[in-house]
Amino acid sequence: MSSEEQVPATEALIDNTDQGRFEFHRDGDLVGWLYYTHLKPNRYALLHTEVESSHQHQGVAGAMVRQVLDEIRSREGTITAICPFVADYLSRTTTYADLIDARHPGYSDRAAAESARAKGGG
């Protein structure tokens, strides 16, 4: 293998229920997390996404959100998008439209989420 070839990173998603966040690990390192609130009956309010500064602009947040949404789908849950990044992600794809809670969808895009946060709503 030449030095230009990149070995694919190993990724793992862990649900840290004690901290109320999904944690995203790449090659064994914690590189990002997504805070949530688990509401009844099986709804996840996705609140805030963070990525370690040393791993920003490497696709971590998108990969993490995709894995979180896949995990929630496997649990037959629904989501409420509060986090601006999650709202933006969902606004660009229909892949996860079935997960959005009909009664409590959250924000439809990044601008709406950031506006609500600026007004103290998030």
PDB file of N, CA and C in Angstrom:
ATOM      1  N   MET A   1       0.854  -1.181   0.000  1.00  0.00           N
ATOM      2  CA  MET A   1       0.000   0.000   0.000  1.00  0.00           C
ATOM      3  C   MET A   1       0.894   1.236   0.000  1.00  0.00           C
ATOM      4  N   SER A   2       0.632   2.165  -0.909  1.00  0.00           N
ATOM      5  CA  SER A   2       1.439   3.376  -0.981  1.00  0.00           C
ATOM      6  C   SER A   2       1.041   4.341   0.129  1.00  0.00           C
ATOM      7  N   SER A   3       1.890   5.317   0.363  1.00  0.00           N
ATOM      8  CA  SER A   3       1.626   6.266   1.441  1.00  0.00           C
ATOM      9  C   SER A   3       0.437   7.164   1.120  1.00  0.00           C
ATOM     10  N   GLU A   4       0.032   7.258  -0.173  1.00  0.00           N
ATOM     11  CA  GLU A   4      -1.113   8.091  -0.526  1.00  0.00           C
ATOM     12  C   GLU A   4      -2.446   7.413  -0.225  1.00  0.00           C
ATOM     13  N   GLU A   5      -2.450   6.098  -0.106  1.00  0.00           N
ATOM     14  CA  GLU A   5      -3.699   5.393   0.150  1.00  0.00           C
ATOM     15  C   GLU A   5      -4.106   5.589   1.604  1.00  0.00           C
ATOM     16  N   GLN A   6      -5.403   5.834   1.806  1.00  0.00           N
ATOM     17  CA  GLN A   6      -5.898   6.018   3.160  1.00  0.00           C
ATOM     18  C   GLN A   6      -6.642   4.767   3.603  1.00  0.00           C
ATOM     19  N   VAL A   7      -6.349   4.363   4.822  1.00  0.00           N
ATOM     20  CA  VAL A   7      -7.055   3.235   5.404  1.00  0.00           C
ATOM     21  C   VAL A   7      -8.385   3.767   5.927  1.00  0.00           C
ATOM     22  N   PRO A   8      -9.495   3.110   5.594  1.00  0.00           N
ATOM     23  CA  PRO A   8     -10.782   3.597   6.093  1.00  0.00           C
ATOM     24  C   PRO A   8     -10.803   3.624   7.625  1.00  0.00           C
ATOM     25  N   ALA A   9     -11.398   4.680   8.162  1.00  0.00           N
ATOM     26  CA  ALA A   9     -11.504   4.819   9.611  1.00  0.00           C
ATOM     27  C   ALA A   9     -12.561   3.851  10.133  1.00  0.00           C
ATOM     28  N   THR A  10     -12.315   3.321  11.318  1.00  0.00           N
ATOM     29  CA  THR A  10     -13.350   2.525  11.969  1.00  0.00           C
ATOM     30  C   THR A  10     -14.205   3.480  12.780  1.00  0.00           C
ATOM     31  N   GLU A  11     -15.515   3.317  12.659  1.00  0.00           N
ATOM     32  CA  GLU A  11     -16.440   4.202  13.341  1.00  0.00           C
ATOM     33  C   GLU A  11     -17.349   3.401  14.251  1.00  0.00           C
ATOM     34  N   ALA A  12     -17.684   4.000  15.385  1.00  0.00           N
ATOM     35  CA  ALA A  12     -18.602   3.360  16.327  1.00  0.00           C
ATOM     36  C   ALA A  12     -19.472   4.428  16.972  1.00  0.00           C
ATOM     37  N   LEU A  13     -20.745   4.085  17.148  1.00  0.00           N
ATOM     38  CA  LEU A  13     -21.687   4.973  17.814  1.00  0.00           C
ATOM     39  C   LEU A  13     -22.093   4.327  19.126  1.00  0.00           C
ATOM     40  N   ILE A  14     -21.998   5.095  20.206  1.00  0.00           N
ATOM     41  CA  ILE A  14     -22.348   4.592  21.531  1.00  0.00           C
ATOM     42  C   ILE A  14     -23.421   5.498  22.112  1.00  0.00           C
ATOM     43  N   ASP A  15     -24.473   4.897  22.646  1.00  0.00           N
ATOM     44  CA  ASP A  15     -25.530   5.659  23.303  1.00  0.00           C
ATOM     45  C   ASP A  15     -25.170   5.774  24.779  1.00  0.00           C
ATOM     46  N   ASN A  16     -24.686   6.936  25.171  1.00  0.00           N
ATOM     47  CA  ASN A  16     -24.322   7.194  26.563  1.00  0.00           C
ATOM     48  C   ASN A  16     -25.558   7.765  27.253  1.00  0.00           C
ATOM     49  N   THR A  17     -26.418   6.879  27.735  1.00  0.00           N
ATOM     50  CA  THR A  17     -27.691   7.314  28.327  1.00  0.00           C
ATOM     51  C   THR A  17     -27.474   8.139  29.599  1.00  0.00           C
ATOM     52  N   ASP A  18     -26.393   7.882  30.323  1.00  0.00           N
ATOM     53  CA  ASP A  18     -26.106   8.662  31.539  1.00  0.00           C
ATOM     54  C   ASP A  18     -25.894  10.141  31.215  1.00  0.00           C
ATOM     55  N   GLN A  19     -25.251  10.408  30.078  1.00  0.00           N
ATOM     56  CA  GLN A  19     -24.981  11.799  29.680  1.00  0.00           C
ATOM     57  C   GLN A  19     -26.029  12.333  28.709  1.00  0.00           C
ATOM     58  N   GLY A  20     -26.953  11.479  28.255  1.00  0.00           N
ATOM     59  CA  GLY A  20     -27.981  11.911  27.322  1.00  0.00           C
ATOM     60  C   GLY A  20     -27.413  12.306  25.977  1.00  0.00           C
ATOM     61  N   ARG A  21     -26.476  11.484  25.489  1.00  0.00           N
ATOM     62  CA  ARG A  21     -25.892  11.803  24.194  1.00  0.00           C
ATOM     63  C   ARG A  21     -25.421  10.541  23.488  1.00  0.00           C
ATOM     64  N   PHE A  22     -25.484  10.617  22.161  1.00  0.00           N
ATOM     65  CA  PHE A  22     -24.851   9.608  21.332  1.00  0.00           C
ATOM     66  C   PHE A  22     -23.413  10.064  21.131  1.00  0.00           C
ATOM     67  N   GLU A  23     -22.471   9.146  21.306  1.00  0.00           N
ATOM     68  CA  GLU A  23     -21.056   9.479  21.146  1.00  0.00           C
ATOM     69  C   GLU A  23     -20.513   8.765  19.917  1.00  0.00           C
ATOM     70  N   PHE A  24     -19.792   9.515  19.098  1.00  0.00           N
ATOM     71  CA  PHE A  24     -19.257   9.000  17.842  1.00  0.00           C
ATOM     72  C   PHE A  24     -17.748   8.851  17.977  1.00  0.00           C
ATOM     73  N   HIS A  25     -17.276   7.643  17.756  1.00  0.00           N
ATOM     74  CA  HIS A  25     -15.848   7.334  17.870  1.00  0.00           C
ATOM     75  C   HIS A  25     -15.295   6.990  16.495  1.00  0.00           C
ATOM     76  N   ARG A  26     -14.117   7.505  16.202  1.00  0.00           N
ATOM     77  CA  ARG A  26     -13.401   7.180  14.982  1.00  0.00           C
ATOM     78  C   ARG A  26     -12.020   6.684  15.383  1.00  0.00           C
ATOM     79  N   ASP A  27     -11.718   5.479  14.930  1.00  0.00           N
ATOM     80  CA  ASP A  27     -10.428   4.848  15.264  1.00  0.00           C
ATOM     81  C   ASP A  27     -10.174   4.857  16.769  1.00  0.00           C
ATOM     82  N   GLY A  28     -11.238   4.644  17.538  1.00  0.00           N
ATOM     83  CA  GLY A  28     -11.124   4.538  18.989  1.00  0.00           C
ATOM     84  C   GLY A  28     -11.176   5.850  19.742  1.00  0.00           C
ATOM     85  N   ASP A  29     -11.161   6.975  19.033  1.00  0.00           N
ATOM     86  CA  ASP A  29     -11.184   8.289  19.693  1.00  0.00           C
ATOM     87  C   ASP A  29     -12.585   8.868  19.664  1.00  0.00           C
ATOM     88  N   LEU A  30     -13.009   9.483  20.770  1.00  0.00           N
ATOM     89  CA  LEU A  30     -14.276  10.207  20.818  1.00  0.00           C
ATOM     90  C   LEU A  30     -14.085  11.499  20.024  1.00  0.00           C
ATOM     91  N   VAL A  31     -14.821  11.628  18.908  1.00  0.00           N
ATOM     92  CA  VAL A  31     -14.626  12.788  18.042  1.00  0.00           C
ATOM     93  C   VAL A  31     -15.863  13.668  17.924  1.00  0.00           C
ATOM     94  N   GLY A  32     -17.017  13.159  18.373  1.00  0.00           N
ATOM     95  CA  GLY A  32     -18.221  13.969  18.305  1.00  0.00           C
ATOM     96  C   GLY A  32     -19.322  13.374  19.150  1.00  0.00           C
ATOM     97  N   TRP A  33     -20.338  14.200  19.436  1.00  0.00           N
ATOM     98  CA  TRP A  33     -21.471  13.712  20.214  1.00  0.00           C
ATOM     99  C   TRP A  33     -22.696  14.535  19.856  1.00  0.00           C
ATOM    100  N   LEU A  34     -23.837  13.920  20.070  1.00  0.00           N
ATOM    101  CA  LEU A  34     -25.119  14.562  19.786  1.00  0.00           C
ATOM    102  C   LEU A  34     -26.009  14.392  21.008  1.00  0.00           C
ATOM    103  N   TYR A  35     -26.311  15.515  21.664  1.00  0.00           N
ATOM    104  CA  TYR A  35     -27.163  15.478  22.857  1.00  0.00           C
ATOM    105  C   TYR A  35     -28.618  15.279  22.458  1.00  0.00           C
ATOM    106  N   TYR A  36     -29.335  14.526  23.258  1.00  0.00           N
ATOM    107  CA  TYR A  36     -30.747  14.274  22.989  1.00  0.00           C
ATOM    108  C   TYR A  36     -31.513  14.161  24.304  1.00  0.00           C
ATOM    109  N   THR A  37     -32.832  14.245  24.178  1.00  0.00           N
ATOM    110  CA  THR A  37     -33.730  13.911  25.269  1.00  0.00           C
ATOM    111  C   THR A  37     -34.633  12.813  24.759  1.00  0.00           C
ATOM    112  N   HIS A  38     -34.730  11.718  25.496  1.00  0.00           N
ATOM    113  CA  HIS A  38     -35.588  10.599  25.103  1.00  0.00           C
ATOM    114  C   HIS A  38     -36.949  10.814  25.756  1.00  0.00           C
ATOM    115  N   LEU A  39     -37.939  11.038  24.927  1.00  0.00           N
ATOM    116  CA  LEU A  39     -39.293  11.333  25.390  1.00  0.00           C
ATOM    117  C   LEU A  39     -40.209  10.151  25.111  1.00  0.00           C
ATOM    118  N   LYS A  40     -41.325  10.098  25.818  1.00  0.00           N
ATOM    119  CA  LYS A  40     -42.275   9.005  25.618  1.00  0.00           C
ATOM    120  C   LYS A  40     -43.175   9.332  24.442  1.00  0.00           C
ATOM    121  N   PRO A  41     -43.647   8.341  23.685  1.00  0.00           N
ATOM    122  CA  PRO A  41     -43.403   6.923  23.928  1.00  0.00           C
ATOM    123  C   PRO A  41     -42.019   6.486  23.439  1.00  0.00           C
ATOM    124  N   ASN A  42     -41.543   6.985  22.297  1.00  0.00           N
ATOM    125  CA  ASN A  42     -40.210   6.623  21.822  1.00  0.00           C
ATOM    126  C   ASN A  42     -39.720   7.705  20.860  1.00  0.00           C
ATOM    127  N   ARG A  43     -39.699   8.949  21.390  1.00  0.00           N
ATOM    128  CA  ARG A  43     -39.303  10.093  20.574  1.00  0.00           C
ATOM    129  C   ARG A  43     -37.991  10.645  21.109  1.00  0.00           C
ATOM    130  N   TYR A  44     -37.131  10.998  20.191  1.00  0.00           N
ATOM    131  CA  TYR A  44     -35.838  11.566  20.536  1.00  0.00           C
ATOM    132  C   TYR A  44     -35.804  13.014  20.069  1.00  0.00           C
ATOM    133  N   ALA A  45     -35.691  13.947  20.994  1.00  0.00           N
ATOM    134  CA  ALA A  45     -35.475  15.348  20.645  1.00  0.00           C
ATOM    135  C   ALA A  45     -33.968  15.513  20.487  1.00  0.00           C
ATOM    136  N   LEU A  46     -33.526  15.757  19.260  1.00  0.00           N
ATOM    137  CA  LEU A  46     -32.094  15.890  18.967  1.00  0.00           C
ATOM    138  C   LEU A  46     -31.723  17.355  19.164  1.00  0.00           C
ATOM    139  N   LEU A  47     -30.924  17.609  20.215  1.00  0.00           N
ATOM    140  CA  LEU A  47     -30.740  18.956  20.734  1.00  0.00           C
ATOM    141  C   LEU A  47     -29.518  19.703  20.232  1.00  0.00           C
ATOM    142  N   HIS A  48     -28.368  19.036  20.199  1.00  0.00           N
ATOM    143  CA  HIS A  48     -27.130  19.772  19.926  1.00  0.00           C
ATOM    144  C   HIS A  48     -26.032  18.811  19.478  1.00  0.00           C
ATOM    145  N   THR A  49     -25.372  19.170  18.387  1.00  0.00           N
ATOM    146  CA  THR A  49     -24.276  18.371  17.833  1.00  0.00           C
ATOM    147  C   THR A  49     -22.955  19.097  18.091  1.00  0.00           C
ATOM    148  N   GLU A  50     -21.953  18.339  18.547  1.00  0.00           N
ATOM    149  CA  GLU A  50     -20.608  18.904  18.743  1.00  0.00           C
ATOM    150  C   GLU A  50     -19.574  17.961  18.147  1.00  0.00           C
ATOM    151  N   VAL A  51     -18.505  18.556  17.613  1.00  0.00           N
ATOM    152  CA  VAL A  51     -17.383  17.792  17.072  1.00  0.00           C
ATOM    153  C   VAL A  51     -16.108  18.361  17.684  1.00  0.00           C
ATOM    154  N   GLU A  52     -15.217  17.464  18.114  1.00  0.00           N
ATOM    155  CA  GLU A  52     -13.918  17.902  18.642  1.00  0.00           C
ATOM    156  C   GLU A  52     -13.251  18.822  17.624  1.00  0.00           C
ATOM    157  N   SER A  53     -12.648  19.906  18.101  1.00  0.00           N
ATOM    158  CA  SER A  53     -12.056  20.896  17.190  1.00  0.00           C
ATOM    159  C   SER A  53     -11.011  20.275  16.260  1.00  0.00           C
ATOM    160  N   SER A  54     -10.290  19.286  16.740  1.00  0.00           N
ATOM    161  CA  SER A  54      -9.253  18.655  15.910  1.00  0.00           C
ATOM    162  C   SER A  54      -9.839  17.757  14.819  1.00  0.00           C
ATOM    163  N   HIS A  55     -11.156  17.524  14.854  1.00  0.00           N
ATOM    164  CA  HIS A  55     -11.798  16.668  13.851  1.00  0.00           C
ATOM    165  C   HIS A  55     -12.854  17.411  13.024  1.00  0.00           C
ATOM    166  N   GLN A  56     -12.921  18.723  13.170  1.00  0.00           N
ATOM    167  CA  GLN A  56     -13.894  19.488  12.395  1.00  0.00           C
ATOM    168  C   GLN A  56     -13.503  19.520  10.926  1.00  0.00           C
ATOM    169  N   HIS A  57     -14.498  19.661  10.067  1.00  0.00           N
ATOM    170  CA  HIS A  57     -14.321  19.726   8.614  1.00  0.00           C
ATOM    171  C   HIS A  57     -13.769  18.421   8.040  1.00  0.00           C
ATOM    172  N   GLN A  58     -14.118  17.310   8.697  1.00  0.00           N
ATOM    173  CA  GLN A  58     -13.703  15.986   8.226  1.00  0.00           C
ATOM    174  C   GLN A  58     -14.914  15.073   8.025  1.00  0.00           C
ATOM    175  N   GLY A  59     -16.099  15.642   7.985  1.00  0.00           N
ATOM    176  CA  GLY A  59     -17.302  14.848   7.761  1.00  0.00           C
ATOM    177  C   GLY A  59     -17.810  14.114   8.986  1.00  0.00           C
ATOM    178  N   VAL A  60     -17.286  14.450  10.158  1.00  0.00           N
ATOM    179  CA  VAL A  60     -17.670  13.751  11.387  1.00  0.00           C
ATOM    180  C   VAL A  60     -19.146  13.982  11.713  1.00  0.00           C
ATOM    181  N   ALA A  61     -19.591  15.233  11.691  1.00  0.00           N
ATOM    182  CA  ALA A  61     -20.967  15.535  12.089  1.00  0.00           C
ATOM    183  C   ALA A  61     -21.973  14.835  11.180  1.00  0.00           C
ATOM    184  N   GLY A  62     -21.752  14.878   9.873  1.00  0.00           N
ATOM    185  CA  GLY A  62     -22.666  14.215   8.949  1.00  0.00           C
ATOM    186  C   GLY A  62     -22.706  12.715   9.150  1.00  0.00           C
ATOM    187  N   ALA A  63     -21.529  12.113   9.314  1.00  0.00           N
ATOM    188  CA  ALA A  63     -21.464  10.661   9.539  1.00  0.00           C
ATOM    189  C   ALA A  63     -22.142  10.294  10.849  1.00  0.00           C
ATOM    190  N   MET A  64     -21.945  11.114  11.873  1.00  0.00           N
ATOM    191  CA  MET A  64     -22.547  10.842  13.176  1.00  0.00           C
ATOM    192  C   MET A  64     -24.069  10.960  13.100  1.00  0.00           C
ATOM    193  N   VAL A  65     -24.576  12.022  12.494  1.00  0.00           N
ATOM    194  CA  VAL A  65     -26.022  12.207  12.397  1.00  0.00           C
ATOM    195  C   VAL A  65     -26.639  11.046  11.619  1.00  0.00           C
ATOM    196  N   ARG A  66     -26.025  10.636  10.544  1.00  0.00           N
ATOM    197  CA  ARG A  66     -26.530   9.502   9.759  1.00  0.00           C
ATOM    198  C   ARG A  66     -26.617   8.245  10.632  1.00  0.00           C
ATOM    199  N   GLN A  67     -25.583   7.973  11.410  1.00  0.00           N
ATOM    200  CA  GLN A  67     -25.600   6.788  12.269  1.00  0.00           C
ATOM    201  C   GLN A  67     -26.626   6.919  13.399  1.00  0.00           C
ATOM    202  N   VAL A  68     -26.778   8.114  13.950  1.00  0.00           N
ATOM    203  CA  VAL A  68     -27.788   8.331  14.994  1.00  0.00           C
ATOM    204  C   VAL A  68     -29.180   8.069  14.420  1.00  0.00           C
ATOM    205  N   LEU A  69     -29.452   8.613  13.248  1.00  0.00           N
ATOM    206  CA  LEU A  69     -30.765   8.418  12.637  1.00  0.00           C
ATOM    207  C   LEU A  69     -31.018   6.951  12.306  1.00  0.00           C
ATOM    208  N   ASP A  70     -29.992   6.255  11.824  1.00  0.00           N
ATOM    209  CA  ASP A  70     -30.133   4.815  11.559  1.00  0.00           C
ATOM    210  C   ASP A  70     -30.416   4.051  12.851  1.00  0.00           C
ATOM    211  N   GLU A  71     -29.759   4.452  13.935  1.00  0.00           N
ATOM    212  CA  GLU A  71     -29.968   3.792  15.228  1.00  0.00           C
ATOM    213  C   GLU A  71     -31.396   4.025  15.727  1.00  0.00           C
ATOM    214  N   ILE A  72     -31.866   5.258  15.623  1.00  0.00           N
ATOM    215  CA  ILE A  72     -33.229   5.560  16.061  1.00  0.00           C
ATOM    216  C   ILE A  72     -34.236   4.795  15.207  1.00  0.00           C
ATOM    217  N   ARG A  73     -33.968   4.693  13.914  1.00  0.00           N
ATOM    218  CA  ARG A  73     -34.847   3.907  13.046  1.00  0.00           C
ATOM    219  C   ARG A  73     -34.873   2.446  13.501  1.00  0.00           C
ATOM    220  N   SER A  74     -33.734   1.893  13.856  1.00  0.00           N
ATOM    221  CA  SER A  74     -33.678   0.489  14.298  1.00  0.00           C
ATOM    222  C   SER A  74     -34.452   0.286  15.600  1.00  0.00           C
ATOM    223  N   ARG A  75     -34.606   1.359  16.379  1.00  0.00           N
ATOM    224  CA  ARG A  75     -35.369   1.310  17.638  1.00  0.00           C
ATOM    225  C   ARG A  75     -36.850   1.632  17.413  1.00  0.00           C
ATOM    226  N   GLU A  76     -37.220   1.862  16.151  1.00  0.00           N
ATOM    227  CA  GLU A  76     -38.586   2.231  15.778  1.00  0.00           C
ATOM    228  C   GLU A  76     -39.028   3.510  16.480  1.00  0.00           C
ATOM    229  N   GLY A  77     -38.088   4.454  16.602  1.00  0.00           N
ATOM    230  CA  GLY A  77     -38.368   5.721  17.241  1.00  0.00           C
ATOM    231  C   GLY A  77     -38.666   6.813  16.235  1.00  0.00           C
ATOM    232  N   THR A  78     -39.011   7.985  16.759  1.00  0.00           N
ATOM    233  CA  THR A  78     -39.200   9.175  15.942  1.00  0.00           C
ATOM    234  C   THR A  78     -38.297  10.272  16.485  1.00  0.00           C
ATOM    235  N   ILE A  79     -38.155  11.337  15.695  1.00  0.00           N
ATOM    236  CA  ILE A  79     -37.265  12.423  16.105  1.00  0.00           C
ATOM    237  C   ILE A  79     -37.976  13.773  16.044  1.00  0.00           C
ATOM    238  N   THR A  80     -37.484  14.679  16.871  1.00  0.00           N
ATOM    239  CA  THR A  80     -37.832  16.088  16.823  1.00  0.00           C
ATOM    240  C   THR A  80     -36.512  16.824  16.643  1.00  0.00           C
ATOM    241  N   ALA A  81     -36.381  17.546  15.535  1.00  0.00           N
ATOM    242  CA  ALA A  81     -35.119  18.210  15.193  1.00  0.00           C
ATOM    243  C   ALA A  81     -35.063  19.598  15.828  1.00  0.00           C
ATOM    244  N   ILE A  82     -34.254  19.731  16.875  1.00  0.00           N
ATOM    245  CA  ILE A  82     -34.030  21.006  17.545  1.00  0.00           C
ATOM    246  C   ILE A  82     -32.671  21.578  17.124  1.00  0.00           C
ATOM    247  N   CYS A  83     -31.687  20.720  16.985  1.00  0.00           N
ATOM    248  CA  CYS A  83     -30.316  21.096  16.618  1.00  0.00           C
ATOM    249  C   CYS A  83     -30.280  21.682  15.196  1.00  0.00           C
ATOM    250  N   PRO A  84     -29.666  22.867  15.018  1.00  0.00           N
ATOM    251  CA  PRO A  84     -29.574  23.443  13.672  1.00  0.00           C
ATOM    252  C   PRO A  84     -28.888  22.525  12.663  1.00  0.00           C
ATOM    253  N   PHE A  85     -27.831  21.820  13.067  1.00  0.00           N
ATOM    254  CA  PHE A  85     -27.142  20.938  12.127  1.00  0.00           C
ATOM    255  C   PHE A  85     -28.049  19.789  11.700  1.00  0.00           C
ATOM    256  N   VAL A  86     -28.761  19.192  12.647  1.00  0.00           N
ATOM    257  CA  VAL A  86     -29.671  18.088  12.324  1.00  0.00           C
ATOM    258  C   VAL A  86     -30.790  18.589  11.412  1.00  0.00           C
ATOM    259  N   ALA A  87     -31.352  19.753  11.716  1.00  0.00           N
ATOM    260  CA  ALA A  87     -32.415  20.317  10.882  1.00  0.00           C
ATOM    261  C   ALA A  87     -31.906  20.547   9.458  1.00  0.00           C
ATOM    262  N   ASP A  88     -30.687  21.066   9.333  1.00  0.00           N
ATOM    263  CA  ASP A  88     -30.089  21.288   8.017  1.00  0.00           C
ATOM    264  C   ASP A  88     -29.879  19.962   7.290  1.00  0.00           C
ATOM    265  N   TYR A  89     -29.368  18.970   7.993  1.00  0.00           N
ATOM    266  CA  TYR A  89     -29.131  17.648   7.408  1.00  0.00           C
ATOM    267  C   TYR A  89     -30.436  17.073   6.861  1.00  0.00           C
ATOM    268  N   LEU A  90     -31.493  17.136   7.674  1.00  0.00           N
ATOM    269  CA  LEU A  90     -32.780  16.582   7.267  1.00  0.00           C
ATOM    270  C   LEU A  90     -33.406  17.361   6.108  1.00  0.00           C
ATOM    271  N   SER A  91     -33.126  18.659   6.026  1.00  0.00           N
ATOM    272  CA  SER A  91     -33.706  19.474   4.954  1.00  0.00           C
ATOM    273  C   SER A  91     -33.101  19.143   3.594  1.00  0.00           C
ATOM    274  N   ARG A  92     -31.956  18.452   3.587  1.00  0.00           N
ATOM    275  CA  ARG A  92     -31.264  18.125   2.339  1.00  0.00           C
ATOM    276  C   ARG A  92     -31.477  16.694   1.865  1.00  0.00           C
ATOM    277  N   THR A  93     -32.319  15.919   2.576  1.00  0.00           N
ATOM    278  CA  THR A  93     -32.548  14.532   2.181  1.00  0.00           C
ATOM    279  C   THR A  93     -33.958  14.106   2.583  1.00  0.00           C
ATOM    280  N   THR A  94     -34.484  13.144   1.847  1.00  0.00           N
ATOM    281  CA  THR A  94     -35.775  12.570   2.237  1.00  0.00           C
ATOM    282  C   THR A  94     -35.593  11.189   2.853  1.00  0.00           C
ATOM    283  N   THR A  95     -34.349  10.750   2.954  1.00  0.00           N
ATOM    284  CA  THR A  95     -34.043   9.408   3.458  1.00  0.00           C
ATOM    285  C   THR A  95     -34.621   9.152   4.838  1.00  0.00           C
ATOM    286  N   TYR A  96     -34.671  10.183   5.667  1.00  0.00           N
ATOM    287  CA  TYR A  96     -35.107  10.009   7.052  1.00  0.00           C
ATOM    288  C   TYR A  96     -36.442  10.700   7.347  1.00  0.00           C
ATOM    289  N   ALA A  97     -37.168  11.065   6.304  1.00  0.00           N
ATOM    290  CA  ALA A  97     -38.449  11.772   6.492  1.00  0.00           C
ATOM    291  C   ALA A  97     -39.422  10.964   7.345  1.00  0.00           C
ATOM    292  N   ASP A  98     -39.357   9.643   7.259  1.00  0.00           N
ATOM    293  CA  ASP A  98     -40.269   8.785   8.025  1.00  0.00           C
ATOM    294  C   ASP A  98     -39.994   8.842   9.524  1.00  0.00           C
ATOM    295  N   LEU A  99     -38.837   9.342   9.926  1.00  0.00           N
ATOM    296  CA  LEU A  99     -38.495   9.406  11.346  1.00  0.00           C
ATOM    297  C   LEU A  99     -39.020  10.664  12.025  1.00  0.00           C
ATOM    298  N   ILE A 100     -39.341  11.682  11.253  1.00  0.00           N
ATOM    299  CA  ILE A 100     -39.745  12.958  11.835  1.00  0.00           C
ATOM    300  C   ILE A 100     -41.127  12.806  12.467  1.00  0.00           C
ATOM    301  N   ASP A 101     -41.204  13.135  13.751  1.00  0.00           N
ATOM    302  CA  ASP A 101     -42.447  12.990  14.503  1.00  0.00           C
ATOM    303  C   ASP A 101     -43.501  13.942  13.928  1.00  0.00           C
ATOM    304  N   ALA A 102     -44.658  13.385  13.552  1.00  0.00           N
ATOM    305  CA  ALA A 102     -45.704  14.172  12.902  1.00  0.00           C
ATOM    306  C   ALA A 102     -46.252  15.277  13.805  1.00  0.00           C
ATOM    307  N   ARG A 103     -46.393  15.000  15.081  1.00  0.00           N
ATOM    308  CA  ARG A 103     -46.952  15.999  16.005  1.00  0.00           C
ATOM    309  C   ARG A 103     -45.922  16.998  16.504  1.00  0.00           C
ATOM    310  N   HIS A 104     -44.666  16.570  16.561  1.00  0.00           N
ATOM    311  CA  HIS A 104     -43.586  17.416  17.093  1.00  0.00           C
ATOM    312  C   HIS A 104     -42.368  17.309  16.172  1.00  0.00           C
ATOM    313  N   PRO A 105     -42.439  17.905  14.969  1.00  0.00           N
ATOM    314  CA  PRO A 105     -41.341  17.726  14.007  1.00  0.00           C
ATOM    315  C   PRO A 105     -40.075  18.507  14.348  1.00  0.00           C
ATOM    316  N   GLY A 106     -40.202  19.563  15.136  1.00  0.00           N
ATOM    317  CA  GLY A 106     -39.047  20.418  15.392  1.00  0.00           C
ATOM    318  C   GLY A 106     -38.917  21.433  14.275  1.00  0.00           C
ATOM    319  N   TYR A 107     -37.685  21.793  13.935  1.00  0.00           N
ATOM    320  CA  TYR A 107     -37.430  22.828  12.944  1.00  0.00           C
ATOM    321  C   TYR A 107     -37.182  22.208  11.576  1.00  0.00           C
ATOM    322  N   SER A 108     -37.661  22.903  10.546  1.00  0.00           N
ATOM    323  CA  SER A 108     -37.579  22.357   9.191  1.00  0.00           C
ATOM    324  C   SER A 108     -36.241  22.634   8.518  1.00  0.00           C
ATOM    325  N   ASP A 109     -35.486  23.596   9.031  1.00  0.00           N
ATOM    326  CA  ASP A 109     -34.189  23.897   8.435  1.00  0.00           C
ATOM    327  C   ASP A 109     -33.301  24.628   9.446  1.00  0.00           C
ATOM    328  N   ARG A 110     -32.056  24.834   9.059  1.00  0.00           N
ATOM    329  CA  ARG A 110     -31.073  25.457   9.942  1.00  0.00           C
ATOM    330  C   ARG A 110     -31.492  26.865  10.360  1.00  0.00           C
ATOM    331  N   ALA A 111     -31.989  27.663   9.432  1.00  0.00           N
ATOM    332  CA  ALA A 111     -32.345  29.055   9.739  1.00  0.00           C
ATOM    333  C   ALA A 111     -33.424  29.119  10.817  1.00  0.00           C
ATOM    334  N   ALA A 112     -34.434  28.274  10.695  1.00  0.00           N
ATOM    335  CA  ALA A 112     -35.504  28.276  11.693  1.00  0.00           C
ATOM    336  C   ALA A 112     -34.976  27.857  13.062  1.00  0.00           C
ATOM    337  N   ALA A 113     -34.106  26.847  13.089  1.00  0.00           N
ATOM    338  CA  ALA A 113     -33.536  26.364  14.352  1.00  0.00           C
ATOM    339  C   ALA A 113     -32.639  27.423  14.985  1.00  0.00           C
ATOM    340  N   GLU A 114     -31.810  28.076  14.164  1.00  0.00           N
ATOM    341  CA  GLU A 114     -30.918  29.092  14.714  1.00  0.00           C
ATOM    342  C   GLU A 114     -31.687  30.322  15.173  1.00  0.00           C
ATOM    343  N   SER A 115     -32.760  30.682  14.466  1.00  0.00           N
ATOM    344  CA  SER A 115     -33.582  31.807  14.876  1.00  0.00           C
ATOM    345  C   SER A 115     -34.240  31.529  16.231  1.00  0.00           C
ATOM    346  N   ALA A 116     -34.764  30.317  16.397  1.00  0.00           N
ATOM    347  CA  ALA A 116     -35.386  29.953  17.665  1.00  0.00           C
ATOM    348  C   ALA A 116     -34.358  29.940  18.795  1.00  0.00           C
ATOM    349  N   ARG A 117     -33.168  29.447  18.516  1.00  0.00           N
ATOM    350  CA  ARG A 117     -32.105  29.416  19.527  1.00  0.00           C
ATOM    351  C   ARG A 117     -31.719  30.839  19.928  1.00  0.00           C
ATOM    352  N   ALA A 118     -31.637  31.749  18.947  1.00  0.00           N
ATOM    353  CA  ALA A 118     -31.265  33.129  19.234  1.00  0.00           C
ATOM    354  C   ALA A 118     -32.315  33.816  20.113  1.00  0.00           C
ATOM    355  N   LYS A 119     -33.561  33.398  19.964  1.00  0.00           N
ATOM    356  CA  LYS A 119     -34.646  33.975  20.755  1.00  0.00           C
ATOM    357  C   LYS A 119     -34.796  33.282  22.100  1.00  0.00           C
ATOM    358  N   GLY A 120     -33.931  32.301  22.369  1.00  0.00           N
ATOM    359  CA  GLY A 120     -33.977  31.601  23.648  1.00  0.00           C
ATOM    360  C   GLY A 120     -34.889  30.405  23.641  1.00  0.00           C
ATOM    361  N   GLY A 121     -35.281  29.945  22.479  1.00  0.00           N
ATOM    362  CA  GLY A 121     -36.186  28.799  22.386  1.00  0.00           C
ATOM    363  C   GLY A 121     -35.492  27.471  22.238  1.00  0.00           C
ATOM    364  N   GLY A 122     -34.163  27.428  22.273  1.00  0.00           N
ATOM    365  CA  GLY A 122     -33.512  26.143  22.060  1.00  0.00           C
ATOM    366  C   GLY A 122     -32.238  26.006  22.672  1.00  0.00           C
TER     367      GLY A 122
END
